[in-house]
């Protein structure tokens, strides 16, 4: 008996959800930390874990603070 298209898509979604859950669990065993505040960078919504691994900051605010510290102060006239 052949499978219906709806059955295939359910199986694909279930497998995808399981793989995502395993990837998230593996990420939290050794998570990426923000280089400004040292907070763990959270995996939110449907963001890919591989993209979160590449992030250096937990928020735009931390990124701005970090780079503002690196700026050299110039003369204001």
N, C-alpha and C. Protein backbone atom coordinates (compact mmCIF):
# COMPACT_ATOMS: atom_id res chain seq x y z
N UNK A 1 0.84 -1.18 0.00
CA UNK A 1 0.00 0.00 0.00
C UNK A 1 0.88 1.24 0.00
N UNK A 2 0.74 2.12 -0.96
CA UNK A 2 1.58 3.32 -1.02
C UNK A 2 1.20 4.33 0.07
N UNK A 3 2.20 5.12 0.46
CA UNK A 3 1.97 6.16 1.47
C UNK A 3 1.30 7.37 0.85
N UNK A 4 0.46 8.03 1.63
CA UNK A 4 -0.13 9.28 1.19
C UNK A 4 0.90 10.38 1.35
N UNK A 5 0.75 11.45 0.59
CA UNK A 5 1.68 12.58 0.71
C UNK A 5 1.64 13.18 2.11
N UNK A 6 0.46 13.20 2.72
CA UNK A 6 0.35 13.77 4.07
C UNK A 6 1.13 12.94 5.09
N UNK A 7 1.17 11.62 4.91
CA UNK A 7 1.94 10.76 5.82
C UNK A 7 3.44 11.02 5.68
N UNK A 8 3.89 11.22 4.46
CA UNK A 8 5.31 11.50 4.24
C UNK A 8 5.72 12.81 4.90
N UNK A 9 4.89 13.82 4.74
CA UNK A 9 5.25 15.12 5.30
C UNK A 9 5.25 15.08 6.83
N UNK A 10 4.35 14.30 7.43
CA UNK A 10 4.35 14.16 8.89
C UNK A 10 5.65 13.52 9.36
N UNK A 11 6.07 12.48 8.68
CA UNK A 11 7.32 11.80 9.05
C UNK A 11 8.51 12.71 8.89
N UNK A 12 8.51 13.51 7.85
CA UNK A 12 9.61 14.45 7.63
C UNK A 12 9.66 15.51 8.71
N UNK A 13 8.50 15.99 9.12
CA UNK A 13 8.45 17.00 10.18
C UNK A 13 8.90 16.41 11.51
N UNK A 14 8.49 15.20 11.79
CA UNK A 14 8.88 14.56 13.05
C UNK A 14 10.38 14.34 13.08
N UNK A 15 10.93 13.84 11.99
CA UNK A 15 12.37 13.62 11.91
C UNK A 15 13.12 14.94 12.04
N UNK A 16 12.65 15.98 11.37
CA UNK A 16 13.28 17.29 11.46
C UNK A 16 13.25 17.85 12.87
N UNK A 17 12.12 17.69 13.54
CA UNK A 17 12.00 18.16 14.93
C UNK A 17 12.96 17.42 15.85
N UNK A 18 13.08 16.11 15.65
CA UNK A 18 14.00 15.31 16.47
C UNK A 18 15.45 15.75 16.25
N UNK A 19 15.81 15.96 15.00
CA UNK A 19 17.19 16.39 14.70
C UNK A 19 17.47 17.76 15.29
N UNK A 20 16.51 18.66 15.20
CA UNK A 20 16.68 20.00 15.78
C UNK A 20 16.86 19.91 17.29
N UNK A 21 16.05 19.08 17.94
CA UNK A 21 16.15 18.94 19.39
C UNK A 21 17.51 18.39 19.79
N UNK A 22 18.02 17.40 19.03
CA UNK A 22 19.35 16.85 19.32
C UNK A 22 20.43 17.91 19.11
N UNK A 23 20.28 18.72 18.07
CA UNK A 23 21.26 19.78 17.81
C UNK A 23 21.26 20.81 18.92
N UNK A 24 20.08 21.16 19.42
CA UNK A 24 19.99 22.13 20.51
C UNK A 24 20.60 21.57 21.78
N UNK A 25 20.32 20.30 22.07
CA UNK A 25 20.91 19.66 23.26
C UNK A 25 22.43 19.64 23.17
N UNK A 26 22.96 19.31 21.99
CA UNK A 26 24.41 19.29 21.81
C UNK A 26 25.00 20.70 21.95
N UNK A 27 24.27 21.70 21.47
CA UNK A 27 24.74 23.09 21.58
C UNK A 27 24.86 23.51 23.04
N UNK A 28 23.86 23.19 23.85
CA UNK A 28 23.86 23.62 25.24
C UNK A 28 24.86 22.86 26.11
N UNK A 29 25.42 21.76 25.60
CA UNK A 29 26.50 21.09 26.32
C UNK A 29 27.76 21.95 26.30
N UNK A 30 27.97 22.68 25.20
CA UNK A 30 29.11 23.59 25.05
C UNK A 30 28.65 24.81 24.27
N UNK A 31 27.90 25.72 24.91
CA UNK A 31 27.31 26.85 24.19
C UNK A 31 28.32 27.95 23.87
N UNK A 32 27.97 28.76 22.89
CA UNK A 32 28.75 29.94 22.54
C UNK A 32 28.42 31.04 23.54
N UNK A 33 29.43 31.82 23.94
CA UNK A 33 29.22 32.89 24.90
C UNK A 33 29.51 34.23 24.23
N UNK A 34 28.79 35.25 24.67
CA UNK A 34 28.96 36.61 24.18
C UNK A 34 30.35 37.12 24.58
N UNK A 35 31.06 37.75 23.66
CA UNK A 35 32.41 38.22 23.99
C UNK A 35 32.39 39.53 24.77
N UNK A 36 31.22 40.16 24.90
CA UNK A 36 31.10 41.38 25.68
C UNK A 36 30.67 41.08 27.12
N UNK A 37 29.58 40.37 27.29
CA UNK A 37 29.02 40.17 28.64
C UNK A 37 29.17 38.74 29.14
N UNK A 38 29.69 37.85 28.35
CA UNK A 38 29.93 36.44 28.71
C UNK A 38 28.64 35.67 28.99
N UNK A 39 27.52 36.12 28.48
CA UNK A 39 26.26 35.40 28.62
C UNK A 39 26.17 34.32 27.54
N UNK A 40 25.44 33.26 27.84
CA UNK A 40 25.22 32.21 26.86
C UNK A 40 24.30 32.76 25.77
N UNK A 41 24.67 32.54 24.52
CA UNK A 41 23.83 32.99 23.41
C UNK A 41 22.74 31.94 23.22
N UNK A 42 21.49 32.35 23.40
CA UNK A 42 20.34 31.46 23.37
C UNK A 42 19.94 31.11 21.94
N UNK A 43 19.41 29.90 21.76
CA UNK A 43 18.81 29.49 20.49
C UNK A 43 17.34 29.84 20.59
N UNK A 44 16.90 30.82 19.80
CA UNK A 44 15.52 31.30 19.88
C UNK A 44 14.73 30.95 18.64
N UNK A 45 13.42 30.86 18.82
CA UNK A 45 12.46 30.63 17.75
C UNK A 45 12.92 29.50 16.82
N UNK A 46 12.97 29.78 15.56
CA UNK A 46 13.38 28.77 14.58
C UNK A 46 14.75 29.09 13.98
N UNK A 47 15.60 29.75 14.75
CA UNK A 47 16.96 30.04 14.28
C UNK A 47 17.75 28.75 14.19
N UNK A 48 18.60 28.66 13.20
CA UNK A 48 19.43 27.47 13.04
C UNK A 48 20.55 27.49 14.06
N UNK A 49 20.84 26.33 14.61
CA UNK A 49 21.88 26.21 15.62
C UNK A 49 23.25 26.55 15.01
N UNK A 50 23.45 26.20 13.75
CA UNK A 50 24.73 26.50 13.10
C UNK A 50 24.95 28.01 12.99
N UNK A 51 23.88 28.78 12.82
CA UNK A 51 24.01 30.26 12.76
C UNK A 51 24.32 30.82 14.14
N UNK A 52 23.72 30.25 15.17
CA UNK A 52 23.95 30.72 16.53
C UNK A 52 25.40 30.44 16.94
N UNK A 53 25.95 29.32 16.51
CA UNK A 53 27.35 28.98 16.81
C UNK A 53 28.31 30.04 16.28
N UNK A 54 27.96 30.68 15.16
CA UNK A 54 28.83 31.67 14.53
C UNK A 54 28.71 33.05 15.16
N UNK A 55 27.64 33.28 15.93
CA UNK A 55 27.44 34.59 16.54
C UNK A 55 28.49 34.87 17.60
N UNK A 56 28.84 36.14 17.75
CA UNK A 56 29.81 36.53 18.76
C UNK A 56 29.15 37.32 19.90
N UNK A 57 27.98 37.86 19.65
CA UNK A 57 27.31 38.72 20.64
C UNK A 57 25.90 38.21 20.88
N UNK A 58 25.40 38.45 22.10
CA UNK A 58 24.05 38.00 22.44
C UNK A 58 22.99 39.00 21.99
N UNK A 59 23.39 40.25 21.77
CA UNK A 59 22.41 41.27 21.36
C UNK A 59 23.11 42.39 20.60
N UNK A 60 22.32 43.23 20.01
CA UNK A 60 22.86 44.41 19.30
C UNK A 60 23.51 45.36 20.29
N UNK A 61 22.95 45.43 21.47
CA UNK A 61 23.48 46.31 22.51
C UNK A 61 24.90 45.90 22.89
N UNK A 62 25.12 44.61 23.09
CA UNK A 62 26.46 44.12 23.43
C UNK A 62 27.44 44.39 22.28
N UNK A 63 26.98 44.18 21.05
CA UNK A 63 27.84 44.43 19.90
C UNK A 63 28.24 45.90 19.85
N UNK A 64 27.29 46.80 20.06
CA UNK A 64 27.59 48.23 20.04
C UNK A 64 28.54 48.62 21.16
N UNK A 65 28.32 48.10 22.35
CA UNK A 65 29.20 48.40 23.49
C UNK A 65 30.63 47.95 23.22
N UNK A 66 30.76 46.75 22.68
CA UNK A 66 32.07 46.19 22.39
C UNK A 66 32.83 47.05 21.38
N UNK A 67 32.18 47.38 20.28
CA UNK A 67 32.86 48.16 19.25
C UNK A 67 33.05 49.62 19.64
N UNK A 68 32.18 50.16 20.48
CA UNK A 68 32.37 51.52 20.96
C UNK A 68 33.60 51.63 21.86
N UNK A 69 33.91 50.58 22.60
CA UNK A 69 35.11 50.58 23.44
C UNK A 69 36.38 50.59 22.58
N UNK A 70 36.29 50.02 21.39
CA UNK A 70 37.46 49.94 20.50
C UNK A 70 37.72 51.23 19.74
N UNK A 71 36.70 52.07 19.64
CA UNK A 71 36.86 53.33 18.89
C UNK A 71 37.84 54.22 19.57
N UNK A 72 38.62 54.92 18.77
CA UNK A 72 39.54 55.90 19.35
C UNK A 72 38.82 57.22 19.46
N UNK A 73 39.05 57.89 20.54
CA UNK A 73 38.42 59.19 20.76
C UNK A 73 39.21 60.25 19.99
N UNK A 74 38.51 60.97 19.16
CA UNK A 74 39.14 62.02 18.38
C UNK A 74 38.84 63.39 18.98
N UNK A 75 39.53 64.40 18.47
CA UNK A 75 39.27 65.76 18.91
C UNK A 75 37.95 66.23 18.35
N UNK A 76 37.18 66.90 19.16
CA UNK A 76 35.96 67.51 18.66
C UNK A 76 36.19 69.02 18.64
N UNK A 77 35.93 69.61 17.52
CA UNK A 77 36.18 71.05 17.39
C UNK A 77 34.91 71.83 17.34
